[in-house]
Amino acid sequence: MKKKKTVVIWDSCGIETLKFFVVNRDVSRLDGKYVNSSDISDDEQQEVSNLVYDENGKQAVPMLNQFPVDAVRDGATVIVCGFLP
């Protein structure tokens, strides 16, 4: 059985255009979670950050400019999360 993948629509709330990336696990519980928002726990905030950045604060995933349609066709879940400035 294939692992469940998640397509993340990364929303930096106007700082940059929407970006996309694929995670090789189910992180659907993070849908709608934004770093720096008032309705996110410290653990969730760390989890969202870890999707994109490594422990040194460097981008750890390749961001795509185009939506990864093929991943969705293959069964990936789609979520939106990001960063509030």
PDB file of N, CA and C in Angstrom:
ATOM      1  N   MET A   1       0.831  -1.190   0.000  1.00  0.00           N
ATOM      2  CA  MET A   1       0.000   0.000   0.000  1.00  0.00           C
ATOM      3  C   MET A   1       0.875   1.253   0.000  1.00  0.00           C
ATOM      4  N   LYS A   2       0.502   2.233  -0.806  1.00  0.00           N
ATOM      5  CA  LYS A   2       1.265   3.473  -0.887  1.00  0.00           C
ATOM      6  C   LYS A   2       1.029   4.340   0.338  1.00  0.00           C
ATOM      7  N   LYS A   3       2.073   5.059   0.732  1.00  0.00           N
ATOM      8  CA  LYS A   3       1.939   6.028   1.809  1.00  0.00           C
ATOM      9  C   LYS A   3       1.052   7.170   1.339  1.00  0.00           C
ATOM     10  N   LYS A   4       0.267   7.711   2.233  1.00  0.00           N
ATOM     11  CA  LYS A   4      -0.588   8.852   1.923  1.00  0.00           C
ATOM     12  C   LYS A   4       0.262  10.115   1.850  1.00  0.00           C
ATOM     13  N   LYS A   5       0.160  10.825   0.753  1.00  0.00           N
ATOM     14  CA  LYS A   5       0.894  12.073   0.577  1.00  0.00           C
ATOM     15  C   LYS A   5      -0.046  13.247   0.794  1.00  0.00           C
ATOM     16  N   THR A   6       0.555  14.395   1.062  1.00  0.00           N
ATOM     17  CA  THR A   6      -0.213  15.622   1.231  1.00  0.00           C
ATOM     18  C   THR A   6       0.390  16.712   0.355  1.00  0.00           C
ATOM     19  N   VAL A   7      -0.461  17.365  -0.427  1.00  0.00           N
ATOM     20  CA  VAL A   7      -0.047  18.554  -1.163  1.00  0.00           C
ATOM     21  C   VAL A   7      -0.330  19.740  -0.249  1.00  0.00           C
ATOM     22  N   VAL A   8       0.691  20.546  -0.012  1.00  0.00           N
ATOM     23  CA  VAL A   8       0.545  21.719   0.831  1.00  0.00           C
ATOM     24  C   VAL A   8       0.525  22.961  -0.055  1.00  0.00           C
ATOM     25  N   ILE A   9      -0.536  23.741   0.092  1.00  0.00           N
ATOM     26  CA  ILE A   9      -0.585  25.068  -0.508  1.00  0.00           C
ATOM     27  C   ILE A   9      -0.042  25.997   0.571  1.00  0.00           C
ATOM     28  N   TRP A  10       1.134  26.568   0.339  1.00  0.00           N
ATOM     29  CA  TRP A  10       1.816  27.400   1.328  1.00  0.00           C
ATOM     30  C   TRP A  10       1.442  28.860   1.089  1.00  0.00           C
ATOM     31  N   ASP A  11       0.785  29.425   2.071  1.00  0.00           N
ATOM     32  CA  ASP A  11       0.271  30.787   1.982  1.00  0.00           C
ATOM     33  C   ASP A  11       1.044  31.675   2.946  1.00  0.00           C
ATOM     34  N   SER A  12       1.813  32.607   2.395  1.00  0.00           N
ATOM     35  CA  SER A  12       2.559  33.532   3.244  1.00  0.00           C
ATOM     36  C   SER A  12       1.862  34.889   3.311  1.00  0.00           C
ATOM     37  N   CYS A  13       0.558  34.872   3.074  1.00  0.00           N
ATOM     38  CA  CYS A  13      -0.323  36.033   3.262  1.00  0.00           C
ATOM     39  C   CYS A  13       0.189  37.300   2.604  1.00  0.00           C
ATOM     40  N   GLY A  14       0.494  37.190   1.326  1.00  0.00           N
ATOM     41  CA  GLY A  14       0.855  38.368   0.551  1.00  0.00           C
ATOM     42  C   GLY A  14       2.332  38.696   0.499  1.00  0.00           C
ATOM     43  N   ILE A  15       3.137  38.053   1.319  1.00  0.00           N
ATOM     44  CA  ILE A  15       4.578  38.296   1.265  1.00  0.00           C
ATOM     45  C   ILE A  15       5.141  37.741  -0.045  1.00  0.00           C
ATOM     46  N   GLU A  16       4.655  36.574  -0.430  1.00  0.00           N
ATOM     47  CA  GLU A  16       5.010  35.933  -1.695  1.00  0.00           C
ATOM     48  C   GLU A  16       3.731  35.382  -2.304  1.00  0.00           C
ATOM     49  N   THR A  17       3.814  34.965  -3.559  1.00  0.00           N
ATOM     50  CA  THR A  17       2.677  34.288  -4.171  1.00  0.00           C
ATOM     51  C   THR A  17       2.547  32.900  -3.540  1.00  0.00           C
ATOM     52  N   LEU A  18       1.390  32.300  -3.703  1.00  0.00           N
ATOM     53  CA  LEU A  18       1.191  30.953  -3.184  1.00  0.00           C
ATOM     54  C   LEU A  18       2.249  30.023  -3.761  1.00  0.00           C
ATOM     55  N   LYS A  19       2.742  29.128  -2.915  1.00  0.00           N
ATOM     56  CA  LYS A  19       3.697  28.097  -3.329  1.00  0.00           C
ATOM     57  C   LYS A  19       3.100  26.746  -2.979  1.00  0.00           C
ATOM     58  N   PHE A  20       3.659  25.712  -3.540  1.00  0.00           N
ATOM     59  CA  PHE A  20       3.137  24.368  -3.357  1.00  0.00           C
ATOM     60  C   PHE A  20       4.294  23.413  -3.112  1.00  0.00           C
ATOM     61  N   PHE A  21       4.029  22.375  -2.307  1.00  0.00           N
ATOM     62  CA  PHE A  21       4.994  21.292  -2.161  1.00  0.00           C
ATOM     63  C   PHE A  21       4.265  20.035  -1.707  1.00  0.00           C
ATOM     64  N   VAL A  22       4.928  18.908  -1.854  1.00  0.00           N
ATOM     65  CA  VAL A  22       4.336  17.619  -1.513  1.00  0.00           C
ATOM     66  C   VAL A  22       5.094  17.027  -0.335  1.00  0.00           C
ATOM     67  N   VAL A  23       4.338  16.550   0.652  1.00  0.00           N
ATOM     68  CA  VAL A  23       4.894  15.891   1.824  1.00  0.00           C
ATOM     69  C   VAL A  23       4.551  14.413   1.716  1.00  0.00           C
ATOM     70  N   ASN A  24       5.505  13.553   2.011  1.00  0.00           N
ATOM     71  CA  ASN A  24       5.305  12.113   1.860  1.00  0.00           C
ATOM     72  C   ASN A  24       4.661  11.463   3.085  1.00  0.00           C
ATOM     73  N   ARG A  25       3.713  12.165   3.677  1.00  0.00           N
ATOM     74  CA  ARG A  25       2.930  11.629   4.794  1.00  0.00           C
ATOM     75  C   ARG A  25       1.643  12.455   4.911  1.00  0.00           C
ATOM     76  N   ASP A  26       0.738  11.972   5.726  1.00  0.00           N
ATOM     77  CA  ASP A  26      -0.532  12.677   5.922  1.00  0.00           C
ATOM     78  C   ASP A  26      -0.356  13.735   7.012  1.00  0.00           C
ATOM     79  N   VAL A  27      -0.458  14.990   6.622  1.00  0.00           N
ATOM     80  CA  VAL A  27      -0.402  16.095   7.583  1.00  0.00           C
ATOM     81  C   VAL A  27      -1.691  16.921   7.509  1.00  0.00           C
ATOM     82  N   SER A  28      -2.772  16.259   7.152  1.00  0.00           N
ATOM     83  CA  SER A  28      -4.043  16.952   6.966  1.00  0.00           C
ATOM     84  C   SER A  28      -4.530  17.627   8.249  1.00  0.00           C
ATOM     85  N   ARG A  29      -4.065  17.186   9.406  1.00  0.00           N
ATOM     86  CA  ARG A  29      -4.464  17.815  10.668  1.00  0.00           C
ATOM     87  C   ARG A  29      -3.990  19.268  10.756  1.00  0.00           C
ATOM     88  N   LEU A  30      -3.038  19.661   9.886  1.00  0.00           N
ATOM     89  CA  LEU A  30      -2.508  21.019   9.891  1.00  0.00           C
ATOM     90  C   LEU A  30      -3.245  21.948   8.928  1.00  0.00           C
ATOM     91  N   ASP A  31      -4.312  21.454   8.302  1.00  0.00           N
ATOM     92  CA  ASP A  31      -5.066  22.278   7.363  1.00  0.00           C
ATOM     93  C   ASP A  31      -5.609  23.520   8.067  1.00  0.00           C
ATOM     94  N   GLY A  32      -5.358  24.678   7.481  1.00  0.00           N
ATOM     95  CA  GLY A  32      -5.851  25.936   8.030  1.00  0.00           C
ATOM     96  C   GLY A  32      -5.004  26.514   9.149  1.00  0.00           C
ATOM     97  N   LYS A  33      -3.883  25.894   9.460  1.00  0.00           N
ATOM     98  CA  LYS A  33      -3.016  26.370  10.542  1.00  0.00           C
ATOM     99  C   LYS A  33      -1.971  27.336   9.986  1.00  0.00           C
ATOM    100  N   TYR A  34      -1.862  28.476  10.645  1.00  0.00           N
ATOM    101  CA  TYR A  34      -0.916  29.516  10.235  1.00  0.00           C
ATOM    102  C   TYR A  34      -0.009  29.870  11.409  1.00  0.00           C
ATOM    103  N   VAL A  35       1.296  29.835  11.173  1.00  0.00           N
ATOM    104  CA  VAL A  35       2.255  30.278  12.173  1.00  0.00           C
ATOM    105  C   VAL A  35       1.950  31.734  12.502  1.00  0.00           C
ATOM    106  N   ASN A  36       1.985  32.084  13.754  1.00  0.00           N
ATOM    107  CA  ASN A  36       1.712  33.426  14.297  1.00  0.00           C
ATOM    108  C   ASN A  36       0.229  33.737  14.438  1.00  0.00           C
ATOM    109  N   SER A  37      -0.655  32.772  14.181  1.00  0.00           N
ATOM    110  CA  SER A  37      -2.075  33.040  14.398  1.00  0.00           C
ATOM    111  C   SER A  37      -2.426  32.719  15.849  1.00  0.00           C
ATOM    112  N   SER A  38      -3.580  33.167  16.272  1.00  0.00           N
ATOM    113  CA  SER A  38      -3.974  32.982  17.670  1.00  0.00           C
ATOM    114  C   SER A  38      -4.593  31.611  17.942  1.00  0.00           C
ATOM    115  N   ASP A  39      -4.958  30.885  16.907  1.00  0.00           N
ATOM    116  CA  ASP A  39      -5.632  29.594  17.116  1.00  0.00           C
ATOM    117  C   ASP A  39      -4.746  28.396  16.780  1.00  0.00           C
ATOM    118  N   ILE A  40      -3.475  28.520  17.082  1.00  0.00           N
ATOM    119  CA  ILE A  40      -2.538  27.433  16.818  1.00  0.00           C
ATOM    120  C   ILE A  40      -1.715  27.183  18.081  1.00  0.00           C
ATOM    121  N   SER A  41      -1.550  25.913  18.428  1.00  0.00           N
ATOM    122  CA  SER A  41      -0.745  25.572  19.606  1.00  0.00           C
ATOM    123  C   SER A  41       0.741  25.692  19.259  1.00  0.00           C
ATOM    124  N   ASP A  42       1.570  25.737  20.274  1.00  0.00           N
ATOM    125  CA  ASP A  42       3.017  25.799  20.051  1.00  0.00           C
ATOM    126  C   ASP A  42       3.500  24.576  19.279  1.00  0.00           C
ATOM    127  N   ASP A  43       2.955  23.401  19.608  1.00  0.00           N
ATOM    128  CA  ASP A  43       3.345  22.170  18.902  1.00  0.00           C
ATOM    129  C   ASP A  43       2.946  22.226  17.431  1.00  0.00           C
ATOM    130  N   GLU A  44       1.730  22.696  17.152  1.00  0.00           N
ATOM    131  CA  GLU A  44       1.281  22.814  15.760  1.00  0.00           C
ATOM    132  C   GLU A  44       2.121  23.841  15.010  1.00  0.00           C
ATOM    133  N   GLN A  45       2.435  24.934  15.673  1.00  0.00           N
ATOM    134  CA  GLN A  45       3.263  25.966  15.045  1.00  0.00           C
ATOM    135  C   GLN A  45       4.624  25.397  14.657  1.00  0.00           C
ATOM    136  N   GLN A  46       5.204  24.601  15.540  1.00  0.00           N
ATOM    137  CA  GLN A  46       6.488  23.964  15.250  1.00  0.00           C
ATOM    138  C   GLN A  46       6.349  22.970  14.103  1.00  0.00           C
ATOM    139  N   GLU A  47       5.258  22.217  14.112  1.00  0.00           N
ATOM    140  CA  GLU A  47       5.025  21.236  13.056  1.00  0.00           C
ATOM    141  C   GLU A  47       4.885  21.895  11.685  1.00  0.00           C
ATOM    142  N   VAL A  48       4.134  22.987  11.618  1.00  0.00           N
ATOM    143  CA  VAL A  48       3.975  23.710  10.352  1.00  0.00           C
ATOM    144  C   VAL A  48       5.338  24.235   9.898  1.00  0.00           C
ATOM    145  N   SER A  49       6.092  24.824  10.795  1.00  0.00           N
ATOM    146  CA  SER A  49       7.428  25.330  10.444  1.00  0.00           C
ATOM    147  C   SER A  49       8.333  24.223   9.943  1.00  0.00           C
ATOM    148  N   ASN A  50       8.249  23.054  10.589  1.00  0.00           N
ATOM    149  CA  ASN A  50       9.101  21.927  10.201  1.00  0.00           C
ATOM    150  C   ASN A  50       8.747  21.353   8.836  1.00  0.00           C
ATOM    151  N   LEU A  51       7.547  21.645   8.332  1.00  0.00           N
ATOM    152  CA  LEU A  51       7.200  21.204   6.986  1.00  0.00           C
ATOM    153  C   LEU A  51       8.094  21.889   5.957  1.00  0.00           C
ATOM    154  N   VAL A  52       8.499  23.118   6.246  1.00  0.00           N
ATOM    155  CA  VAL A  52       9.207  23.940   5.269  1.00  0.00           C
ATOM    156  C   VAL A  52      10.678  24.143   5.619  1.00  0.00           C
ATOM    157  N   TYR A  53      10.973  24.335   6.901  1.00  0.00           N
ATOM    158  CA  TYR A  53      12.327  24.725   7.312  1.00  0.00           C
ATOM    159  C   TYR A  53      13.011  23.645   8.139  1.00  0.00           C
ATOM    160  N   ASP A  54      14.334  23.552   7.990  1.00  0.00           N
ATOM    161  CA  ASP A  54      15.107  22.628   8.809  1.00  0.00           C
ATOM    162  C   ASP A  54      15.431  23.281  10.153  1.00  0.00           C
ATOM    163  N   GLU A  55      16.186  22.577  10.983  1.00  0.00           N
ATOM    164  CA  GLU A  55      16.497  23.079  12.329  1.00  0.00           C
ATOM    165  C   GLU A  55      17.371  24.335  12.322  1.00  0.00           C
ATOM    166  N   ASN A  56      17.994  24.639  11.194  1.00  0.00           N
ATOM    167  CA  ASN A  56      18.814  25.846  11.067  1.00  0.00           C
ATOM    168  C   ASN A  56      18.055  27.010  10.430  1.00  0.00           C
ATOM    169  N   GLY A  57      16.761  26.808  10.169  1.00  0.00           N
ATOM    170  CA  GLY A  57      15.950  27.860   9.587  1.00  0.00           C
ATOM    171  C   GLY A  57      16.069  27.993   8.082  1.00  0.00           C
ATOM    172  N   LYS A  58      16.710  27.016   7.457  1.00  0.00           N
ATOM    173  CA  LYS A  58      16.845  27.033   5.998  1.00  0.00           C
ATOM    174  C   LYS A  58      15.710  26.234   5.373  1.00  0.00           C
ATOM    175  N   GLN A  59      15.288  26.674   4.212  1.00  0.00           N
ATOM    176  CA  GLN A  59      14.205  25.988   3.509  1.00  0.00           C
ATOM    177  C   GLN A  59      14.619  24.558   3.212  1.00  0.00           C
ATOM    178  N   ALA A  60      13.803  23.614   3.627  1.00  0.00           N
ATOM    179  CA  ALA A  60      14.139  22.197   3.513  1.00  0.00           C
ATOM    180  C   ALA A  60      13.391  21.480   2.392  1.00  0.00           C
ATOM    181  N   VAL A  61      12.403  22.133   1.799  1.00  0.00           N
ATOM    182  CA  VAL A  61      11.628  21.506   0.729  1.00  0.00           C
ATOM    183  C   VAL A  61      11.652  22.384  -0.510  1.00  0.00           C
ATOM    184  N   PRO A  62      11.649  21.763  -1.679  1.00  0.00           N
ATOM    185  CA  PRO A  62      11.557  22.572  -2.888  1.00  0.00           C
ATOM    186  C   PRO A  62      10.131  23.088  -3.069  1.00  0.00           C
ATOM    187  N   MET A  63      10.004  24.389  -3.168  1.00  0.00           N
ATOM    188  CA  MET A  63       8.694  25.010  -3.379  1.00  0.00           C
ATOM    189  C   MET A  63       8.418  25.043  -4.882  1.00  0.00           C
ATOM    190  N   LEU A  64       7.200  24.709  -5.211  1.00  0.00           N
ATOM    191  CA  LEU A  64       6.781  24.695  -6.610  1.00  0.00           C
ATOM    192  C   LEU A  64       5.922  25.916  -6.891  1.00  0.00           C
ATOM    193  N   ASN A  65       6.029  26.429  -8.106  1.00  0.00           N
ATOM    194  CA  ASN A  65       5.184  27.544  -8.526  1.00  0.00           C
ATOM    195  C   ASN A  65       3.874  27.070  -9.141  1.00  0.00           C
ATOM    196  N   GLN A  66       3.838  25.812  -9.538  1.00  0.00           N
ATOM    197  CA  GLN A  66       2.629  25.248 -10.135  1.00  0.00           C
ATOM    198  C   GLN A  66       2.072  24.169  -9.226  1.00  0.00           C
ATOM    199  N   PHE A  67       0.755  24.118  -9.178  1.00  0.00           N
ATOM    200  CA  PHE A  67       0.069  23.121  -8.356  1.00  0.00           C
ATOM    201  C   PHE A  67       0.402  21.722  -8.858  1.00  0.00           C
ATOM    202  N   PRO A  68       0.795  20.806  -7.971  1.00  0.00           N
ATOM    203  CA  PRO A  68       1.176  19.443  -8.372  1.00  0.00           C
ATOM    204  C   PRO A  68      -0.047  18.543  -8.612  1.00  0.00           C
ATOM    205  N   VAL A  69      -0.668  18.749  -9.739  1.00  0.00           N
ATOM    206  CA  VAL A  69      -1.900  18.041 -10.096  1.00  0.00           C
ATOM    207  C   VAL A  69      -1.709  16.525 -10.065  1.00  0.00           C
ATOM    208  N   ASP A  70      -0.576  16.048 -10.552  1.00  0.00           N
ATOM    209  CA  ASP A  70      -0.351  14.599 -10.613  1.00  0.00           C
ATOM    210  C   ASP A  70      -0.388  13.955  -9.227  1.00  0.00           C
ATOM    211  N   ALA A  71       0.111  14.639  -8.225  1.00  0.00           N
ATOM    212  CA  ALA A  71       0.077  14.092  -6.862  1.00  0.00           C
ATOM    213  C   ALA A  71      -1.365  13.924  -6.389  1.00  0.00           C
ATOM    214  N   VAL A  72      -2.219  14.872  -6.724  1.00  0.00           N
ATOM    215  CA  VAL A  72      -3.632  14.781  -6.346  1.00  0.00           C
ATOM    216  C   VAL A  72      -4.309  13.651  -7.111  1.00  0.00           C
ATOM    217  N   ARG A  73      -3.993  13.538  -8.378  1.00  0.00           N
ATOM    218  CA  ARG A  73      -4.549  12.430  -9.174  1.00  0.00           C
ATOM    219  C   ARG A  73      -4.139  11.080  -8.610  1.00  0.00           C
ATOM    220  N   ASP A  74      -2.967  11.051  -7.967  1.00  0.00           N
ATOM    221  CA  ASP A  74      -2.481   9.814  -7.349  1.00  0.00           C
ATOM    222  C   ASP A  74      -3.016   9.613  -5.936  1.00  0.00           C
ATOM    223  N   GLY A  75      -3.889  10.508  -5.483  1.00  0.00           N
ATOM    224  CA  GLY A  75      -4.557  10.310  -4.198  1.00  0.00           C
ATOM    225  C   GLY A  75      -4.111  11.188  -3.049  1.00  0.00           C
ATOM    226  N   ALA A  76      -3.248  12.157  -3.296  1.00  0.00           N
ATOM    227  CA  ALA A  76      -2.787  13.031  -2.213  1.00  0.00           C
ATOM    228  C   ALA A  76      -3.925  13.915  -1.707  1.00  0.00           C
ATOM    229  N   THR A  77      -3.889  14.174  -0.421  1.00  0.00           N
ATOM    230  CA  THR A  77      -4.792  15.124   0.220  1.00  0.00           C
ATOM    231  C   THR A  77      -4.239  16.522  -0.020  1.00  0.00           C
ATOM    232  N   VAL A  78      -5.101  17.536  -0.047  1.00  0.00           N
ATOM    233  CA  VAL A  78      -4.666  18.913  -0.242  1.00  0.00           C
ATOM    234  C   VAL A  78      -5.018  19.736   0.997  1.00  0.00           C
ATOM    235  N   ILE A  79      -4.042  20.484   1.512  1.00  0.00           N
ATOM    236  CA  ILE A  79      -4.289  21.375   2.642  1.00  0.00           C
ATOM    237  C   ILE A  79      -3.708  22.764   2.341  1.00  0.00           C
ATOM    238  N   VAL A  80      -4.148  23.731   3.119  1.00  0.00           N
ATOM    239  CA  VAL A  80      -3.599  25.077   3.057  1.00  0.00           C
ATOM    240  C   VAL A  80      -3.081  25.411   4.449  1.00  0.00           C
ATOM    241  N   CYS A  81      -1.855  25.865   4.524  1.00  0.00           N
ATOM    242  CA  CYS A  81      -1.308  26.364   5.775  1.00  0.00           C
ATOM    243  C   CYS A  81      -0.230  27.390   5.428  1.00  0.00           C
ATOM    244  N   GLY A  82       0.322  28.039   6.433  1.00  0.00           N
ATOM    245  CA  GLY A  82       1.315  29.035   6.090  1.00  0.00           C
ATOM    246  C   GLY A  82       1.760  29.877   7.247  1.00  0.00           C
ATOM    247  N   PHE A  83       2.025  31.136   6.940  1.00  0.00           N
ATOM    248  CA  PHE A  83       2.674  32.054   7.852  1.00  0.00           C
ATOM    249  C   PHE A  83       1.977  33.406   7.817  1.00  0.00           C
ATOM    250  N   LEU A  84       1.617  33.915   8.975  1.00  0.00           N
ATOM    251  CA  LEU A  84       1.080  35.273   9.075  1.00  0.00           C
ATOM    252  C   LEU A  84       2.210  36.194   9.475  1.00  0.00           C
ATOM    253  N   PRO A  85       2.441  37.251   8.712  1.00  0.00           N
ATOM    254  CA  PRO A  85       3.540  38.167   9.062  1.00  0.00           C
ATOM    255  C   PRO A  85       3.256  38.917  10.357  1.00  0.00           C
TER     256      PRO A  85
END
